[in-house]
Protein backbone atom coordinates (compact mmCIF):
# COMPACT_ATOMS: atom_id res chain seq x y z
CA MET A 1 4.80 -0.67 20.83
CA TYR A 2 6.87 2.27 18.91
CA THR A 3 8.75 5.08 20.44
CA THR A 4 9.54 8.29 18.81
CA LYS A 5 13.17 9.42 19.77
CA ARG A 6 12.52 13.17 19.35
CA ASN A 7 9.49 13.83 21.92
CA ASN A 8 9.25 10.06 23.51
CA LEU A 9 5.92 9.98 22.37
CA ARG A 10 4.06 6.46 22.77
CA ALA A 11 1.76 4.96 20.40
CA ASN A 12 0.40 1.56 20.44
CA TYR A 13 -0.05 0.69 16.76
CA THR A 14 -1.32 -2.47 16.11
CA PHE A 15 -1.77 -3.98 12.45
CA ALA A 16 -4.38 -6.55 13.25
CA TRP A 17 -6.34 -4.15 15.00
CA GLY A 18 -10.82 -5.39 15.07
CA LEU A 19 -9.08 -8.14 12.64
CA THR A 20 -11.24 -11.09 14.32
CA GLU A 21 -14.57 -9.07 14.26
CA TYR A 22 -13.91 -7.87 10.32
CA ARG A 23 -12.87 -11.39 9.27
CA ARG A 24 -16.28 -12.44 10.76
CA ASN A 25 -18.04 -10.46 7.90
CA HIS A 26 -15.27 -10.58 5.20
CA PRO A 27 -13.31 -13.00 2.89
CA VAL A 28 -9.53 -12.97 3.54
CA LYS A 29 -7.97 -11.13 1.06
CA ASP A 30 -4.58 -10.73 -0.51
CA ILE A 31 -2.05 -7.64 0.31
CA LEU A 32 1.24 -6.64 -0.49
CA ALA A 33 4.08 -7.20 1.76
CA ILE A 34 6.94 -5.11 1.13
CA ASP A 35 10.39 -5.72 2.38
CA LEU A 36 12.40 -2.43 2.62
CA ARG A 37 15.86 -3.85 3.05
CA LEU A 38 15.18 -5.71 -0.30
CA CYS A 39 14.21 -2.82 -1.93
CA THR A 40 16.76 -0.75 -4.04
CA GLY A 41 14.30 2.03 -5.69
CA CYS A 42 15.11 0.89 -9.40
CA ARG A 43 11.40 1.65 -10.00
CA SER A 44 10.92 -1.82 -12.17
CA CYS A 45 7.79 -2.29 -10.28
CA GLU A 46 6.66 1.43 -11.36
CA LEU A 47 7.00 0.47 -14.93
CA ALA A 48 5.49 -3.03 -14.68
CA CYS A 49 2.66 -1.61 -13.11
CA SER A 50 1.99 1.10 -15.48
CA ILE A 51 2.70 -1.41 -18.67
CA ALA A 52 0.19 -3.79 -17.29
CA HIS A 53 -2.57 -1.12 -16.59
CA THR A 54 -2.14 1.35 -18.96
CA ARG A 55 0.19 0.17 -21.92
CA SER A 56 2.47 2.80 -21.49
CA PHE A 57 5.90 3.14 -19.55
CA ASN A 58 4.72 6.32 -17.43
CA PRO A 59 5.54 5.77 -13.83
CA LYS A 60 3.26 8.91 -13.21
CA ARG A 61 0.31 6.58 -14.34
CA SER A 62 1.63 3.36 -11.98
CA ARG A 63 -0.39 2.30 -9.03
CA ILE A 64 2.68 2.08 -6.97
CA GLN A 65 5.03 4.95 -6.46
CA ILE A 66 8.68 4.87 -5.01
CA LEU A 67 9.31 7.53 -2.64
CA LYS A 68 13.27 8.48 -1.88
CA GLU A 69 14.76 10.54 0.44
CA GLU A 70 18.48 10.35 -0.31
CA VAL A 71 19.68 11.86 2.53
CA ARG A 72 18.63 9.54 5.04
CA ASN A 73 19.18 6.76 2.55
CA LEU A 74 15.73 5.65 2.44
CA VAL A 75 13.26 4.25 -0.26
CA VAL A 76 9.55 3.26 0.36
CA PRO A 77 7.63 2.06 -2.17
CA MET A 78 3.78 3.45 -1.63
CA VAL A 79 1.05 1.35 -2.51
CA CYS A 80 -2.68 0.73 -1.20
CA LEU A 81 -2.71 -1.13 1.81
CA GLN A 82 -6.16 -2.82 1.08
CA CYS A 83 -7.39 -1.27 4.87
CA GLU A 84 -9.96 -3.20 6.57
CA ARG A 85 -11.73 0.34 7.17
CA PRO A 86 -10.76 2.38 3.86
CA LEU A 87 -11.27 6.00 4.37
CA CYS A 88 -10.83 6.50 0.47
CA GLN A 89 -14.15 3.97 -0.01
CA GLU A 90 -15.69 6.22 2.40
CA ALA A 91 -14.81 9.49 1.21
CA CYS A 92 -15.73 8.69 -2.37
CA PRO A 93 -19.13 10.90 -3.03
CA ASN A 94 -20.01 8.08 -6.04
CA GLY A 95 -19.02 4.81 -4.58
CA ALA A 96 -16.65 4.35 -7.27
CA ILE A 97 -14.22 2.67 -4.61
CA VAL A 98 -15.45 -1.19 -4.89
CA GLU A 99 -14.65 -4.40 -3.44
CA ASN A 100 -14.47 -6.99 -5.88
CA LYS A 101 -15.31 -10.91 -5.22
CA HIS A 102 -12.08 -11.76 -3.58
CA GLY A 103 -12.08 -8.58 -1.25
CA VAL A 104 -9.66 -6.46 -3.05
CA LEU A 105 -10.88 -2.79 -3.52
CA TYR A 106 -10.72 -1.19 -6.64
CA VAL A 107 -11.95 2.03 -8.57
CA ASP A 108 -14.56 1.79 -10.89
CA SER A 109 -13.25 4.49 -13.37
CA GLU A 110 -16.51 4.42 -15.07
CA ILE A 111 -17.93 5.77 -11.79
CA CYS A 112 -15.03 8.31 -10.62
CA ILE A 113 -15.39 11.85 -11.07
CA GLY A 114 -11.70 12.65 -10.13
CA CYS A 115 -12.68 14.68 -7.34
CA MET A 116 -9.68 13.88 -5.25
CA ASN A 117 -11.39 13.23 -1.98
CA CYS A 118 -10.29 9.63 -1.74
CA VAL A 119 -6.69 11.02 -2.35
CA THR A 120 -6.96 13.07 0.47
CA ALA A 121 -8.48 10.82 2.81
CA CYS A 122 -6.09 8.22 2.29
CA VAL A 123 -3.33 8.50 4.85
CA TYR A 124 -0.79 6.10 3.31
CA GLY A 125 -0.75 7.71 0.12
CA GLY A 126 -1.98 4.62 -1.65
CA ILE A 127 -4.44 6.43 -4.04
CA ALA A 128 -3.77 9.13 -6.89
CA ILE A 129 -5.16 10.53 -9.79
CA ASP A 130 -3.91 9.57 -13.41
CA PRO A 131 -2.63 12.48 -14.98
CA VAL A 132 -4.07 11.39 -18.16
CA THR A 133 -7.67 10.10 -17.57
CA ARG A 134 -7.87 12.51 -14.29
CA ARG A 135 -9.42 9.48 -12.45
CA ALA A 136 -8.36 8.10 -9.35
CA ILE A 137 -6.20 4.96 -9.48
CA LYS A 138 -5.19 2.44 -6.71
CA CYS A 139 -3.44 -0.94 -6.68
CA ASP A 140 -6.06 -3.64 -7.24
CA LEU A 141 -2.99 -6.48 -7.23
CA CYS A 142 -3.64 -7.16 -10.90
CA LYS A 143 -6.56 -9.82 -10.20
CA GLY A 144 -4.24 -11.80 -7.87
CA ASP A 145 -0.84 -11.74 -9.93
CA PRO A 146 0.60 -8.46 -9.28
CA ALA A 147 3.02 -6.84 -11.93
CA CYS A 148 5.47 -5.16 -9.48
CA ALA A 149 5.93 -8.61 -7.60
CA LYS A 150 6.79 -10.44 -10.62
CA ALA A 151 8.83 -7.29 -12.17
CA CYS A 152 10.83 -7.09 -8.95
CA GLN A 153 14.67 -8.65 -9.25
CA TYR A 154 15.29 -8.46 -5.61
CA GLY A 155 12.14 -9.98 -4.10
CA ALA A 156 11.21 -7.08 -2.07
CA ILE A 157 7.38 -7.20 -3.18
CA SER A 158 5.61 -10.26 -2.72
CA LEU A 159 1.98 -11.07 -2.49
CA SER A 160 0.73 -12.52 1.11
CA THR A 161 -2.92 -12.76 2.50
CA SER A 162 -4.14 -10.30 5.58
CA GLU A 163 -4.19 -13.00 8.07
CA ALA A 164 -1.64 -12.73 10.96
CA GLY A 165 1.16 -14.38 8.95
CA GLY A 166 0.76 -11.89 5.99
CA LEU A 167 0.52 -8.78 8.36
CA ASN A 168 3.67 -9.72 10.31
CA GLN A 169 5.43 -10.09 6.82
CA ARG A 170 4.41 -6.50 6.09
CA ARG A 171 5.15 -5.51 9.30
CA ARG A 172 8.70 -6.90 9.48
CA GLY A 173 9.50 -5.28 5.58
CA VAL A 174 8.58 -1.85 7.20
CA VAL A 175 10.84 -2.09 10.34
CA PRO A 176 13.74 -0.35 8.71
CA ALA A 177 11.92 2.62 7.69
CA PHE A 178 10.67 3.25 11.34
CA ARG A 179 14.14 3.15 12.63
CA THR A 180 15.50 5.31 9.70
CA LEU A 181 13.03 7.57 11.00
CA GLY A 182 13.91 7.71 14.49
CA ILE A 183 11.08 5.32 15.48
CA GLN A 184 12.31 2.20 17.95
CA VAL A 185 10.57 -0.97 17.47
CA GLU A 186 10.72 -2.39 21.05
CA GLU A 187 12.57 -5.72 21.41
CA GLY A 188 10.28 -8.85 20.88
CA ARG A 189 7.89 -7.02 18.86
CA GLU A 190 9.43 -7.73 15.60
C-alpha cells in the first residue's frame, strides 16, 4: 500500500491484480524489470534499441525512452509494461497491436494507421509514434533478447518473467522513484 504525503491519499496498488485468473488463459510472458537505483540515465538503452529496430542511432525512434527530472535527480526509463489488460490494444481500431506466440504484445506496422489512439490509451507512456514512419512503436522485447538490457552497462535493465518473482523484481526497482515523488512504501511491502 502506498501513501501520498501531500494529501494523505491511500491507494492499494497490486501489481499481480487478477494474475491467477489471467494465467489460466495465457502463457507466462517475459517482462522488462528496471532497477532505478542502478540507472544513470546514460541513454545507451535508447541507442541500442533504435539501432536494433531501425538501423539508425536515433533515440526518438527507440522503444524505450529515458525521462529525467534533474531537480529531483530522477531518471526513469519508460517502456511497455506488457500489461495483462492492455488498454493500447483495446484502443486500436485496426487491431494492429497483437500478441505473438510467447504472449508479447507488438505493433504490426503493416496494419497500424498511426491514429495515436494507443498512445493516448497507455497510462504508462509505453507506446509512441515513430517520427519517420508515423506508426506506433512499442517494446517487443527483441524476440526475447532485449538490446536495451544487453547495452546497459550498469545492469539496470533485465529480462524477467511476469510471475510473482519477476513482478516483485520490477516493483523493487521502482520504489526509489515512488519515494522521490513523495509516495511512501509501507514497511514489509518491499
